[in-house]
Protein backbone atom coordinates (compact mmCIF):
# COMPACT_ATOMS: atom_id res chain seq x y z
CA UNK A 1 17.66 9.40 -3.54
CA UNK A 2 18.55 10.02 -7.16
CA UNK A 3 19.11 13.67 -8.02
CA UNK A 4 16.21 15.15 -9.98
CA UNK A 5 13.75 12.36 -9.15
CA UNK A 6 10.68 12.54 -6.93
CA UNK A 7 9.26 9.55 -5.13
CA UNK A 8 5.62 10.45 -4.57
CA UNK A 9 2.89 7.83 -4.73
CA UNK A 10 2.48 5.95 -7.99
CA UNK A 11 0.77 2.65 -8.76
CA UNK A 12 -2.47 1.37 -7.33
CA UNK A 13 -1.18 1.16 -3.77
CA UNK A 14 0.67 4.47 -4.23
CA UNK A 15 4.29 3.39 -3.90
CA UNK A 16 6.30 6.25 -2.37
CA UNK A 17 9.77 6.93 -0.93
CA UNK A 18 13.05 6.14 -2.63
CA UNK A 19 13.69 2.98 -0.61
CA UNK A 20 10.37 1.47 -1.75
CA UNK A 21 11.09 2.24 -5.42
CA UNK A 22 14.56 0.74 -5.04
CA UNK A 23 13.29 -2.40 -3.28
CA UNK A 24 10.44 -2.84 -5.79
CA UNK A 25 12.89 -2.47 -8.64
CA UNK A 26 15.23 -5.06 -7.16
CA UNK A 27 12.30 -7.38 -6.48
CA UNK A 28 10.79 -7.07 -9.94
CA UNK A 29 13.84 -6.55 -12.15
CA UNK A 30 16.94 -7.27 -10.10
CA UNK A 31 18.24 -3.73 -10.64
CA UNK A 32 17.55 -0.09 -9.70
CA UNK A 33 15.66 1.14 -12.78
CA UNK A 34 12.59 2.31 -10.81
CA UNK A 35 14.74 4.32 -8.41
CA UNK A 36 16.45 5.98 -11.38
CA UNK A 37 13.17 6.69 -13.19
CA UNK A 38 10.17 6.41 -10.84
CA UNK A 39 7.86 8.18 -13.31
CA UNK A 40 7.71 5.02 -15.42
CA UNK A 41 5.35 3.50 -12.82
CA UNK A 42 2.74 6.13 -13.74
CA UNK A 43 3.32 5.64 -17.48
CA UNK A 44 2.76 1.88 -17.66
CA UNK A 45 -0.46 0.16 -16.63
CA UNK A 46 1.32 -3.19 -16.28
CA UNK A 47 4.09 -1.70 -14.18
CA UNK A 48 1.59 0.14 -11.95
CA UNK A 49 -0.10 -3.21 -11.24
CA UNK A 50 3.17 -5.10 -10.83
CA UNK A 51 4.57 -2.59 -8.36
CA UNK A 52 1.33 -2.71 -6.39
CA UNK A 53 1.28 -6.52 -6.31
CA UNK A 54 4.95 -6.50 -5.24
CA UNK A 55 4.22 -4.03 -2.43
CA UNK A 56 1.25 -6.07 -1.18
CA UNK A 57 3.18 -9.33 -1.23
CA UNK A 58 6.43 -7.94 0.20
CA UNK A 59 5.26 -5.27 2.64
CA UNK A 60 1.64 -5.92 3.60
CA UNK A 61 0.43 -9.51 3.28
CA UNK A 62 2.92 -11.09 5.70
CA UNK A 63 1.85 -8.89 8.62
CA UNK A 64 0.17 -11.02 11.34
CA UNK A 65 -2.65 -8.49 11.72
CA UNK A 66 -3.35 -8.56 7.99
CA UNK A 67 -3.25 -12.36 8.05
CA UNK A 68 -5.83 -12.25 10.88
CA UNK A 69 -8.15 -10.18 8.68
CA UNK A 70 -7.69 -6.88 10.52
CA UNK A 71 -8.42 -4.16 7.97
CA UNK A 72 -6.67 -1.52 10.05
CA UNK A 73 -3.46 -3.54 9.97
CA UNK A 74 -3.42 -3.29 6.17
CA UNK A 75 -3.91 0.48 6.31
CA UNK A 76 -1.11 0.64 8.86
CA UNK A 77 1.31 -1.20 6.56
CA UNK A 78 0.36 0.89 3.51
CA UNK A 79 0.05 4.41 4.96
CA UNK A 80 0.26 4.10 8.73
CA UNK A 81 2.49 7.09 9.33
CA UNK A 82 -0.20 9.43 8.06
CA UNK A 83 -3.46 7.59 8.55
CA UNK A 84 -2.88 5.58 11.73
CA UNK A 85 -0.43 7.65 13.74
CA UNK A 86 -0.67 11.02 12.01
CA UNK A 87 -3.17 13.75 11.39
CA UNK A 88 -5.17 11.90 8.72
CA UNK A 89 -6.95 9.29 10.86
CA UNK A 90 -10.23 10.48 9.37
CA UNK A 91 -9.08 9.01 6.03
CA UNK A 92 -8.46 5.62 7.62
CA UNK A 93 -11.89 5.73 9.23
CA UNK A 94 -13.46 6.52 5.84
CA UNK A 95 -11.56 3.61 4.26
CA UNK A 96 -12.91 1.30 6.93
CA UNK A 97 -16.47 2.57 6.38
CA UNK A 98 -16.15 1.80 2.64
CA UNK A 99 -14.71 -1.62 3.41
CA UNK A 100 -17.64 -2.39 5.74
CA UNK A 101 -20.06 -1.40 3.00
CA UNK A 102 -18.54 -3.65 0.30
CA UNK A 103 -17.46 -6.63 2.41
CA UNK A 104 -20.94 -8.23 2.44
CA UNK A 105 -20.89 -8.25 -1.36
CA UNK A 106 -17.54 -10.04 -1.62
CA UNK A 107 -17.69 -12.15 1.54
CA UNK A 108 -21.28 -12.58 2.76
CA UNK A 109 -21.44 -13.46 6.43
CA UNK A 110 -17.88 -12.28 7.20
CA UNK A 111 -17.55 -9.79 10.04
CA UNK A 112 -15.27 -6.83 9.32
CA UNK A 113 -12.40 -6.24 11.76
CA UNK A 114 -11.31 -2.64 12.20
CA UNK A 115 -8.31 -3.33 14.46
CA UNK A 116 -4.73 -2.40 13.67
CA UNK A 117 -4.61 1.27 12.76
CA UNK A 118 -5.97 4.08 14.94
CA UNK A 119 -7.44 1.75 17.56
C-alpha cells in the first residue's frame, strides 16, 4: 500500500485493494500511477471505464464458469469474498434476480444460470 492512499471501490466494477490498482495500472499504463493515486479512477469517466474493462478482461472473463455462462461465477470473481462466501449473500441473490429479469430482453430464449457463487 502507498501511505495516505485508500483503495476502496472505484470504477464501474468497483476496483478495490492495492494489488488490483497496481495490476490495473501496470496493465493499462505500464507503471504504478493508479496505486500512487487511486482517486483518479473516480475523477475520470474514461479511466473508470478502462479500469473496469481491464478488470473484466484480466480477472473475470477467463474463468471457466464465466465462460460457461454461469452468472454466479462472475459475481464470485468480482466480489466473491463478501457476496459468495461472506455475510452478503443476499446481495448476490438480488443481483441474480435482476439478471434474470433483464436477460430475456438482451438474449431472448437464453436460460439464466445461477451457478458459481453461493450455490
